[in-house]
């Protein structure tokens, strides 16, 4: 699997970076150390099918509507506009 190979490369190259620090920039060493610290999380992120991309997209749309629609008098009108753009069913009381 590609992710396992990635984690192995990061883990194997850290000792090499420590042995020859003059041939590698300080920033590269730091980035590899950060990746090594988070390697389990990175591995899990690639292995699972879950993502918060949909939630981030909805939040971005709401913020865009909020920027454009600064003249709404009532919150219910603003909420209705959000529901219409996102595509949810509007429930009436």
PDB file of N, CA and C in Angstrom:
ATOM      1  N   UNK A   1       0.844  -1.190   0.000  1.00  0.00           N
ATOM      2  CA  UNK A   1       0.000   0.000   0.000  1.00  0.00           C
ATOM      3  C   UNK A   1       0.883   1.246   0.000  1.00  0.00           C
ATOM      4  N   UNK A   2       0.432   2.271  -0.665  1.00  0.00           N
ATOM      5  CA  UNK A   2       1.199   3.506  -0.828  1.00  0.00           C
ATOM      6  C   UNK A   2       1.458   4.197   0.505  1.00  0.00           C
ATOM      7  N   UNK A   3       0.482   4.184   1.382  1.00  0.00           N
ATOM      8  CA  UNK A   3       0.616   4.859   2.678  1.00  0.00           C
ATOM      9  C   UNK A   3       1.671   4.178   3.523  1.00  0.00           C
ATOM     10  N   UNK A   4       1.666   2.861   3.543  1.00  0.00           N
ATOM     11  CA  UNK A   4       2.657   2.128   4.317  1.00  0.00           C
ATOM     12  C   UNK A   4       4.050   2.427   3.788  1.00  0.00           C
ATOM     13  N   UNK A   5       4.195   2.517   2.491  1.00  0.00           N
ATOM     14  CA  UNK A   5       5.485   2.847   1.889  1.00  0.00           C
ATOM     15  C   UNK A   5       5.916   4.252   2.300  1.00  0.00           C
ATOM     16  N   UNK A   6       4.983   5.188   2.314  1.00  0.00           N
ATOM     17  CA  UNK A   6       5.279   6.560   2.724  1.00  0.00           C
ATOM     18  C   UNK A   6       5.783   6.607   4.158  1.00  0.00           C
ATOM     19  N   UNK A   7       5.105   5.903   5.052  1.00  0.00           N
ATOM     20  CA  UNK A   7       5.502   5.880   6.461  1.00  0.00           C
ATOM     21  C   UNK A   7       6.869   5.227   6.612  1.00  0.00           C
ATOM     22  N   UNK A   8       7.140   4.176   5.843  1.00  0.00           N
ATOM     23  CA  UNK A   8       8.442   3.524   5.910  1.00  0.00           C
ATOM     24  C   UNK A   8       9.551   4.449   5.429  1.00  0.00           C
ATOM     25  N   UNK A   9       9.304   5.194   4.379  1.00  0.00           N
ATOM     26  CA  UNK A   9      10.313   6.122   3.855  1.00  0.00           C
ATOM     27  C   UNK A   9      10.630   7.190   4.883  1.00  0.00           C
ATOM     28  N   UNK A  10       9.613   7.757   5.516  1.00  0.00           N
ATOM     29  CA  UNK A  10       9.844   8.782   6.531  1.00  0.00           C
ATOM     30  C   UNK A  10      10.611   8.199   7.710  1.00  0.00           C
ATOM     31  N   UNK A  11      10.222   7.019   8.159  1.00  0.00           N
ATOM     32  CA  UNK A  11      10.875   6.406   9.316  1.00  0.00           C
ATOM     33  C   UNK A  11      12.315   6.024   9.011  1.00  0.00           C
ATOM     34  N   UNK A  12      12.573   5.535   7.818  1.00  0.00           N
ATOM     35  CA  UNK A  12      13.925   5.088   7.473  1.00  0.00           C
ATOM     36  C   UNK A  12      14.865   6.245   7.194  1.00  0.00           C
ATOM     37  N   UNK A  13      14.353   7.348   6.693  1.00  0.00           N
ATOM     38  CA  UNK A  13      15.226   8.455   6.318  1.00  0.00           C
ATOM     39  C   UNK A  13      15.601   9.357   7.481  1.00  0.00           C
ATOM     40  N   UNK A  14      14.908   9.281   8.591  1.00  0.00           N
ATOM     41  CA  UNK A  14      15.262  10.136   9.728  1.00  0.00           C
ATOM     42  C   UNK A  14      16.670   9.876  10.243  1.00  0.00           C
ATOM     43  N   UNK A  15      17.104   8.625  10.431  1.00  0.00           N
ATOM     44  CA  UNK A  15      18.489   8.424  10.868  1.00  0.00           C
ATOM     45  C   UNK A  15      19.500   8.932   9.849  1.00  0.00           C
ATOM     46  N   UNK A  16      19.201   8.805   8.560  1.00  0.00           N
ATOM     47  CA  UNK A  16      20.118   9.300   7.535  1.00  0.00           C
ATOM     48  C   UNK A  16      20.233  10.817   7.581  1.00  0.00           C
ATOM     49  N   UNK A  17      19.138  11.476   7.854  1.00  0.00           N
ATOM     50  CA  UNK A  17      19.178  12.938   7.949  1.00  0.00           C
ATOM     51  C   UNK A  17      19.996  13.395   9.148  1.00  0.00           C
ATOM     52  N   UNK A  18      19.970  12.610  10.222  1.00  0.00           N
ATOM     53  CA  UNK A  18      20.748  12.974  11.408  1.00  0.00           C
ATOM     54  C   UNK A  18      22.237  12.730  11.191  1.00  0.00           C
ATOM     55  N   UNK A  19      22.592  11.731  10.376  1.00  0.00           N
ATOM     56  CA  UNK A  19      23.996  11.426  10.124  1.00  0.00           C
ATOM     57  C   UNK A  19      24.658  12.459   9.219  1.00  0.00           C
ATOM     58  N   UNK A  20      23.919  12.983   8.265  1.00  0.00           N
ATOM     59  CA  UNK A  20      24.490  13.936   7.310  1.00  0.00           C
ATOM     60  C   UNK A  20      23.710  15.245   7.332  1.00  0.00           C
ATOM     61  N   UNK A  21      23.751  15.974   8.433  1.00  0.00           N
ATOM     62  CA  UNK A  21      22.952  17.207   8.501  1.00  0.00           C
ATOM     63  C   UNK A  21      23.468  18.317   7.598  1.00  0.00           C
ATOM     64  N   UNK A  22      24.752  18.277   7.216  1.00  0.00           N
ATOM     65  CA  UNK A  22      25.295  19.349   6.382  1.00  0.00           C
ATOM     66  C   UNK A  22      24.806  19.267   4.936  1.00  0.00           C
ATOM     67  N   UNK A  23      24.421  18.079   4.484  1.00  0.00           N
ATOM     68  CA  UNK A  23      23.981  17.929   3.096  1.00  0.00           C
ATOM     69  C   UNK A  23      22.492  18.221   2.912  1.00  0.00           C
ATOM     70  N   UNK A  24      21.752  18.331   4.018  1.00  0.00           N
ATOM     71  CA  UNK A  24      20.314  18.566   3.950  1.00  0.00           C
ATOM     72  C   UNK A  24      19.994  19.850   4.706  1.00  0.00           C
ATOM     73  N   UNK A  25      19.072  20.632   4.170  1.00  0.00           N
ATOM     74  CA  UNK A  25      18.733  21.896   4.825  1.00  0.00           C
ATOM     75  C   UNK A  25      18.018  21.656   6.158  1.00  0.00           C
ATOM     76  N   UNK A  26      18.093  22.646   7.007  1.00  0.00           N
ATOM     77  CA  UNK A  26      17.454  22.577   8.324  1.00  0.00           C
ATOM     78  C   UNK A  26      15.942  22.408   8.181  1.00  0.00           C
ATOM     79  N   UNK A  27      15.366  23.069   7.184  1.00  0.00           N
ATOM     80  CA  UNK A  27      13.916  22.999   6.981  1.00  0.00           C
ATOM     81  C   UNK A  27      13.470  21.586   6.591  1.00  0.00           C
ATOM     82  N   UNK A  28      14.264  20.918   5.766  1.00  0.00           N
ATOM     83  CA  UNK A  28      13.923  19.550   5.369  1.00  0.00           C
ATOM     84  C   UNK A  28      13.965  18.614   6.563  1.00  0.00           C
ATOM     85  N   UNK A  29      14.972  18.764   7.397  1.00  0.00           N
ATOM     86  CA  UNK A  29      15.074  17.937   8.602  1.00  0.00           C
ATOM     87  C   UNK A  29      13.875  18.182   9.504  1.00  0.00           C
ATOM     88  N   UNK A  30      13.519  19.442   9.687  1.00  0.00           N
ATOM     89  CA  UNK A  30      12.381  19.785  10.550  1.00  0.00           C
ATOM     90  C   UNK A  30      11.082  19.203   9.993  1.00  0.00           C
ATOM     91  N   UNK A  31      10.871  19.328   8.682  1.00  0.00           N
ATOM     92  CA  UNK A  31       9.643  18.800   8.076  1.00  0.00           C
ATOM     93  C   UNK A  31       9.554  17.285   8.240  1.00  0.00           C
ATOM     94  N   UNK A  32      10.672  16.592   8.068  1.00  0.00           N
ATOM     95  CA  UNK A  32      10.665  15.133   8.234  1.00  0.00           C
ATOM     96  C   UNK A  32      10.393  14.744   9.680  1.00  0.00           C
ATOM     97  N   UNK A  33      10.910  15.518  10.619  1.00  0.00           N
ATOM     98  CA  UNK A  33      10.641  15.234  12.028  1.00  0.00           C
ATOM     99  C   UNK A  33       9.165  15.445  12.351  1.00  0.00           C
ATOM    100  N   UNK A  34       8.578  16.488  11.805  1.00  0.00           N
ATOM    101  CA  UNK A  34       7.149  16.740  12.023  1.00  0.00           C
ATOM    102  C   UNK A  34       6.316  15.613  11.419  1.00  0.00           C
ATOM    103  N   UNK A  35       6.663  15.199  10.202  1.00  0.00           N
ATOM    104  CA  UNK A  35       5.940  14.088   9.574  1.00  0.00           C
ATOM    105  C   UNK A  35       6.083  12.807  10.378  1.00  0.00           C
ATOM    106  N   UNK A  36       7.260  12.589  10.947  1.00  0.00           N
ATOM    107  CA  UNK A  36       7.472  11.381  11.752  1.00  0.00           C
ATOM    108  C   UNK A  36       6.625  11.423  13.021  1.00  0.00           C
ATOM    109  N   UNK A  37       6.462  12.603  13.601  1.00  0.00           N
ATOM    110  CA  UNK A  37       5.632  12.721  14.811  1.00  0.00           C
ATOM    111  C   UNK A  37       4.167  12.402  14.514  1.00  0.00           C
ATOM    112  N   UNK A  38       3.705  12.782  13.341  1.00  0.00           N
ATOM    113  CA  UNK A  38       2.297  12.601  12.986  1.00  0.00           C
ATOM    114  C   UNK A  38       2.068  11.422  12.048  1.00  0.00           C
ATOM    115  N   UNK A  39       3.026  10.505  11.940  1.00  0.00           N
ATOM    116  CA  UNK A  39       2.913   9.449  10.936  1.00  0.00           C
ATOM    117  C   UNK A  39       1.718   8.532  11.168  1.00  0.00           C
ATOM    118  N   UNK A  40       1.363   8.265  12.420  1.00  0.00           N
ATOM    119  CA  UNK A  40       0.194   7.410  12.680  1.00  0.00           C
ATOM    120  C   UNK A  40      -1.095   8.100  12.237  1.00  0.00           C
ATOM    121  N   UNK A  41      -1.208   9.378  12.523  1.00  0.00           N
ATOM    122  CA  UNK A  41      -2.392  10.128  12.089  1.00  0.00           C
ATOM    123  C   UNK A  41      -2.477  10.243  10.579  1.00  0.00           C
ATOM    124  N   UNK A  42      -1.337  10.453   9.936  1.00  0.00           N
ATOM    125  CA  UNK A  42      -1.307  10.525   8.473  1.00  0.00           C
ATOM    126  C   UNK A  42      -1.722   9.184   7.881  1.00  0.00           C
ATOM    127  N   UNK A  43      -1.205   8.114   8.464  1.00  0.00           N
ATOM    128  CA  UNK A  43      -1.531   6.768   7.988  1.00  0.00           C
ATOM    129  C   UNK A  43      -3.029   6.494   8.126  1.00  0.00           C
ATOM    130  N   UNK A  44      -3.601   6.841   9.290  1.00  0.00           N
ATOM    131  CA  UNK A  44      -5.037   6.636   9.501  1.00  0.00           C
ATOM    132  C   UNK A  44      -5.869   7.498   8.562  1.00  0.00           C
ATOM    133  N   UNK A  45      -5.388   8.693   8.286  1.00  0.00           N
ATOM    134  CA  UNK A  45      -6.113   9.581   7.380  1.00  0.00           C
ATOM    135  C   UNK A  45      -6.225   9.031   5.974  1.00  0.00           C
ATOM    136  N   UNK A  46      -5.181   8.357   5.511  1.00  0.00           N
ATOM    137  CA  UNK A  46      -5.233   7.756   4.187  1.00  0.00           C
ATOM    138  C   UNK A  46      -6.019   6.457   4.168  1.00  0.00           C
ATOM    139  N   UNK A  47      -6.023   5.743   5.272  1.00  0.00           N
ATOM    140  CA  UNK A  47      -6.674   4.435   5.308  1.00  0.00           C
ATOM    141  C   UNK A  47      -8.187   4.515   5.479  1.00  0.00           C
ATOM    142  N   UNK A  48      -8.692   5.562   6.127  1.00  0.00           N
ATOM    143  CA  UNK A  48     -10.134   5.657   6.351  1.00  0.00           C
ATOM    144  C   UNK A  48     -10.806   6.390   5.196  1.00  0.00           C
ATOM    145  N   UNK A  49     -12.108   6.181   5.079  1.00  0.00           N
ATOM    146  CA  UNK A  49     -12.870   6.825   4.019  1.00  0.00           C
ATOM    147  C   UNK A  49     -13.537   8.112   4.498  1.00  0.00           C
ATOM    148  N   UNK A  50     -13.329   8.466   5.752  1.00  0.00           N
ATOM    149  CA  UNK A  50     -14.010   9.620   6.322  1.00  0.00           C
ATOM    150  C   UNK A  50     -13.229  10.899   6.056  1.00  0.00           C
ATOM    151  N   UNK A  51     -13.966  11.989   5.882  1.00  0.00           N
ATOM    152  CA  UNK A  51     -13.358  13.289   5.645  1.00  0.00           C
ATOM    153  C   UNK A  51     -14.310  14.372   6.142  1.00  0.00           C
ATOM    154  N   UNK A  52     -13.757  15.508   6.509  1.00  0.00           N
ATOM    155  CA  UNK A  52     -14.600  16.620   6.918  1.00  0.00           C
ATOM    156  C   UNK A  52     -14.745  17.629   5.780  1.00  0.00           C
ATOM    157  N   UNK A  53     -14.471  17.202   4.569  1.00  0.00           N
ATOM    158  CA  UNK A  53     -14.554  18.085   3.410  1.00  0.00           C
ATOM    159  C   UNK A  53     -15.947  18.627   3.167  1.00  0.00           C
ATOM    160  N   UNK A  54     -16.965  17.793   3.341  1.00  0.00           N
ATOM    161  CA  UNK A  54     -18.348  18.240   3.130  1.00  0.00           C
ATOM    162  C   UNK A  54     -18.720  19.318   4.141  1.00  0.00           C
ATOM    163  N   UNK A  55     -18.348  19.099   5.402  1.00  0.00           N
ATOM    164  CA  UNK A  55     -18.646  20.087   6.444  1.00  0.00           C
ATOM    165  C   UNK A  55     -17.925  21.398   6.172  1.00  0.00           C
ATOM    166  N   UNK A  56     -16.660  21.324   5.763  1.00  0.00           N
ATOM    167  CA  UNK A  56     -15.907  22.539   5.453  1.00  0.00           C
ATOM    168  C   UNK A  56     -16.519  23.276   4.266  1.00  0.00           C
ATOM    169  N   UNK A  57     -17.012  22.530   3.284  1.00  0.00           N
ATOM    170  CA  UNK A  57     -17.656  23.158   2.138  1.00  0.00           C
ATOM    171  C   UNK A  57     -18.931  23.891   2.520  1.00  0.00           C
ATOM    172  N   UNK A  58     -19.735  23.274   3.389  1.00  0.00           N
ATOM    173  CA  UNK A  58     -20.966  23.923   3.857  1.00  0.00           C
ATOM    174  C   UNK A  58     -20.631  25.176   4.655  1.00  0.00           C
ATOM    175  N   UNK A  59     -19.621  25.086   5.528  1.00  0.00           N
ATOM    176  CA  UNK A  59     -19.217  26.268   6.304  1.00  0.00           C
ATOM    177  C   UNK A  59     -18.740  27.388   5.390  1.00  0.00           C
ATOM    178  N   UNK A  60     -18.007  27.045   4.339  1.00  0.00           N
ATOM    179  CA  UNK A  60     -17.530  28.056   3.407  1.00  0.00           C
ATOM    180  C   UNK A  60     -18.696  28.729   2.692  1.00  0.00           C
ATOM    181  N   UNK A  61     -19.695  27.945   2.277  1.00  0.00           N
ATOM    182  CA  UNK A  61     -20.876  28.535   1.631  1.00  0.00           C
ATOM    183  C   UNK A  61     -21.619  29.473   2.572  1.00  0.00           C
ATOM    184  N   UNK A  62     -21.775  29.065   3.826  1.00  0.00           N
ATOM    185  CA  UNK A  62     -22.483  29.908   4.800  1.00  0.00           C
ATOM    186  C   UNK A  62     -21.733  31.215   5.010  1.00  0.00           C
ATOM    187  N   UNK A  63     -20.410  31.152   5.107  1.00  0.00           N
ATOM    188  CA  UNK A  63     -19.624  32.380   5.283  1.00  0.00           C
ATOM    189  C   UNK A  63     -19.731  33.289   4.068  1.00  0.00           C
ATOM    190  N   UNK A  64     -19.771  32.696   2.879  1.00  0.00           N
ATOM    191  CA  UNK A  64     -19.931  33.500   1.667  1.00  0.00           C
ATOM    192  C   UNK A  64     -21.292  34.178   1.645  1.00  0.00           C
ATOM    193  N   UNK A  65     -22.340  33.441   1.993  1.00  0.00           N
ATOM    194  CA  UNK A  65     -23.691  34.020   2.056  1.00  0.00           C
ATOM    195  C   UNK A  65     -23.723  35.136   3.090  1.00  0.00           C
ATOM    196  N   UNK A  66     -23.071  34.924   4.212  1.00  0.00           N
ATOM    197  CA  UNK A  66     -23.057  35.919   5.281  1.00  0.00           C
ATOM    198  C   UNK A  66     -22.372  37.205   4.824  1.00  0.00           C
ATOM    199  N   UNK A  67     -21.284  37.065   4.050  1.00  0.00           N
ATOM    200  CA  UNK A  67     -20.586  38.250   3.549  1.00  0.00           C
ATOM    201  C   UNK A  67     -21.440  39.015   2.549  1.00  0.00           C
ATOM    202  N   UNK A  68     -22.091  38.282   1.659  1.00  0.00           N
ATOM    203  CA  UNK A  68     -22.872  38.919   0.600  1.00  0.00           C
ATOM    204  C   UNK A  68     -24.187  39.465   1.133  1.00  0.00           C
ATOM    205  N   UNK A  69     -24.823  38.737   2.040  1.00  0.00           N
ATOM    206  CA  UNK A  69     -26.172  39.069   2.491  1.00  0.00           C
ATOM    207  C   UNK A  69     -26.148  39.777   3.833  1.00  0.00           C
ATOM    208  N   UNK A  70     -25.554  40.940   3.866  1.00  0.00           N
ATOM    209  CA  UNK A  70     -25.459  41.642   5.148  1.00  0.00           C
ATOM    210  C   UNK A  70     -26.714  42.450   5.468  1.00  0.00           C
ATOM    211  N   UNK A  71     -27.699  42.497   4.571  1.00  0.00           N
ATOM    212  CA  UNK A  71     -28.860  43.331   4.802  1.00  0.00           C
ATOM    213  C   UNK A  71     -30.116  42.612   5.236  1.00  0.00           C
ATOM    214  N   UNK A  72     -30.014  41.376   5.659  1.00  0.00           N
ATOM    215  CA  UNK A  72     -31.211  40.656   6.096  1.00  0.00           C
ATOM    216  C   UNK A  72     -31.702  41.207   7.426  1.00  0.00           C
ATOM    217  N   UNK A  73     -32.992  41.468   7.486  1.00  0.00           N
ATOM    218  CA  UNK A  73     -33.568  42.017   8.705  1.00  0.00           C
ATOM    219  C   UNK A  73     -33.851  40.925   9.724  1.00  0.00           C
ATOM    220  N   UNK A  74     -34.288  39.774   9.261  1.00  0.00           N
ATOM    221  CA  UNK A  74     -34.663  38.682  10.164  1.00  0.00           C
ATOM    222  C   UNK A  74     -33.747  37.483   9.944  1.00  0.00           C
ATOM    223  N   UNK A  75     -33.432  36.819  11.029  1.00  0.00           N
ATOM    224  CA  UNK A  75     -32.567  35.648  10.955  1.00  0.00           C
ATOM    225  C   UNK A  75     -33.219  34.520  10.168  1.00  0.00           C
ATOM    226  N   UNK A  76     -34.550  34.419  10.247  1.00  0.00           N
ATOM    227  CA  UNK A  76     -35.231  33.339   9.521  1.00  0.00           C
ATOM    228  C   UNK A  76     -35.047  33.482   8.008  1.00  0.00           C
ATOM    229  N   UNK A  77     -35.008  34.714   7.512  1.00  0.00           N
ATOM    230  CA  UNK A  77     -34.770  34.923   6.083  1.00  0.00           C
ATOM    231  C   UNK A  77     -33.348  34.501   5.707  1.00  0.00           C
ATOM    232  N   UNK A  78     -32.402  34.818   6.571  1.00  0.00           N
ATOM    233  CA  UNK A  78     -31.013  34.416   6.351  1.00  0.00           C
ATOM    234  C   UNK A  78     -30.882  32.894   6.370  1.00  0.00           C
ATOM    235  N   UNK A  79     -31.548  32.265   7.332  1.00  0.00           N
ATOM    236  CA  UNK A  79     -31.522  30.808   7.459  1.00  0.00           C
ATOM    237  C   UNK A  79     -32.166  30.151   6.239  1.00  0.00           C
ATOM    238  N   UNK A  80     -33.265  30.718   5.755  1.00  0.00           N
ATOM    239  CA  UNK A  80     -33.935  30.194   4.571  1.00  0.00           C
ATOM    240  C   UNK A  80     -33.025  30.287   3.353  1.00  0.00           C
ATOM    241  N   UNK A  81     -32.321  31.383   3.231  1.00  0.00           N
ATOM    242  CA  UNK A  81     -31.382  31.556   2.111  1.00  0.00           C
ATOM    243  C   UNK A  81     -30.286  30.495   2.156  1.00  0.00           C
ATOM    244  N   UNK A  82     -29.764  30.216   3.350  1.00  0.00           N
ATOM    245  CA  UNK A  82     -28.736  29.179   3.504  1.00  0.00           C
ATOM    246  C   UNK A  82     -29.289  27.832   3.080  1.00  0.00           C
ATOM    247  N   UNK A  83     -30.482  27.498   3.549  1.00  0.00           N
ATOM    248  CA  UNK A  83     -31.084  26.209   3.201  1.00  0.00           C
ATOM    249  C   UNK A  83     -31.334  26.094   1.699  1.00  0.00           C
ATOM    250  N   UNK A  84     -31.767  27.167   1.068  1.00  0.00           N
ATOM    251  CA  UNK A  84     -32.031  27.128  -0.367  1.00  0.00           C
ATOM    252  C   UNK A  84     -30.755  26.909  -1.168  1.00  0.00           C
ATOM    253  N   UNK A  85     -29.680  27.569  -0.769  1.00  0.00           N
ATOM    254  CA  UNK A  85     -28.428  27.433  -1.507  1.00  0.00           C
ATOM    255  C   UNK A  85     -27.797  26.070  -1.270  1.00  0.00           C
ATOM    256  N   UNK A  86     -27.831  25.585  -0.034  1.00  0.00           N
ATOM    257  CA  UNK A  86     -27.233  24.281   0.268  1.00  0.00           C
ATOM    258  C   UNK A  86     -28.088  23.153  -0.295  1.00  0.00           C
ATOM    259  N   UNK A  87     -29.393  23.346  -0.357  1.00  0.00           N
ATOM    260  CA  UNK A  87     -30.264  22.344  -0.959  1.00  0.00           C
ATOM    261  C   UNK A  87     -31.029  21.498   0.031  1.00  0.00           C
ATOM    262  N   UNK A  88     -31.181  21.951   1.256  1.00  0.00           N
ATOM    263  CA  UNK A  88     -31.947  21.200   2.253  1.00  0.00           C
ATOM    264  C   UNK A  88     -33.429  21.529   2.125  1.00  0.00           C
ATOM    265  N   UNK A  89     -34.243  20.616   2.633  1.00  0.00           N
ATOM    266  CA  UNK A  89     -35.677  20.858   2.695  1.00  0.00           C
ATOM    267  C   UNK A  89     -35.959  21.851   3.817  1.00  0.00           C
ATOM    268  N   UNK A  90     -36.831  22.782   3.561  1.00  0.00           N
ATOM    269  CA  UNK A  90     -37.211  23.762   4.576  1.00  0.00           C
ATOM    270  C   UNK A  90     -38.446  23.245   5.291  1.00  0.00           C
ATOM    271  N   UNK A  91     -38.355  23.167   6.610  1.00  0.00           N
ATOM    272  CA  UNK A  91     -39.487  22.697   7.407  1.00  0.00           C
ATOM    273  C   UNK A  91     -40.240  23.906   7.941  1.00  0.00           C
ATOM    274  N   UNK A  92     -41.531  23.942   7.678  1.00  0.00           N
ATOM    275  CA  UNK A  92     -42.345  25.042   8.185  1.00  0.00           C
ATOM    276  C   UNK A  92     -43.078  24.596   9.429  1.00  0.00           C
ATOM    277  N   UNK A  93     -43.267  25.520  10.338  1.00  0.00           N
ATOM    278  CA  UNK A  93     -43.967  25.214  11.599  1.00  0.00           C
ATOM    279  C   UNK A  93     -45.441  25.473  11.473  1.00  0.00           C
TER     280      UNK A  93
END
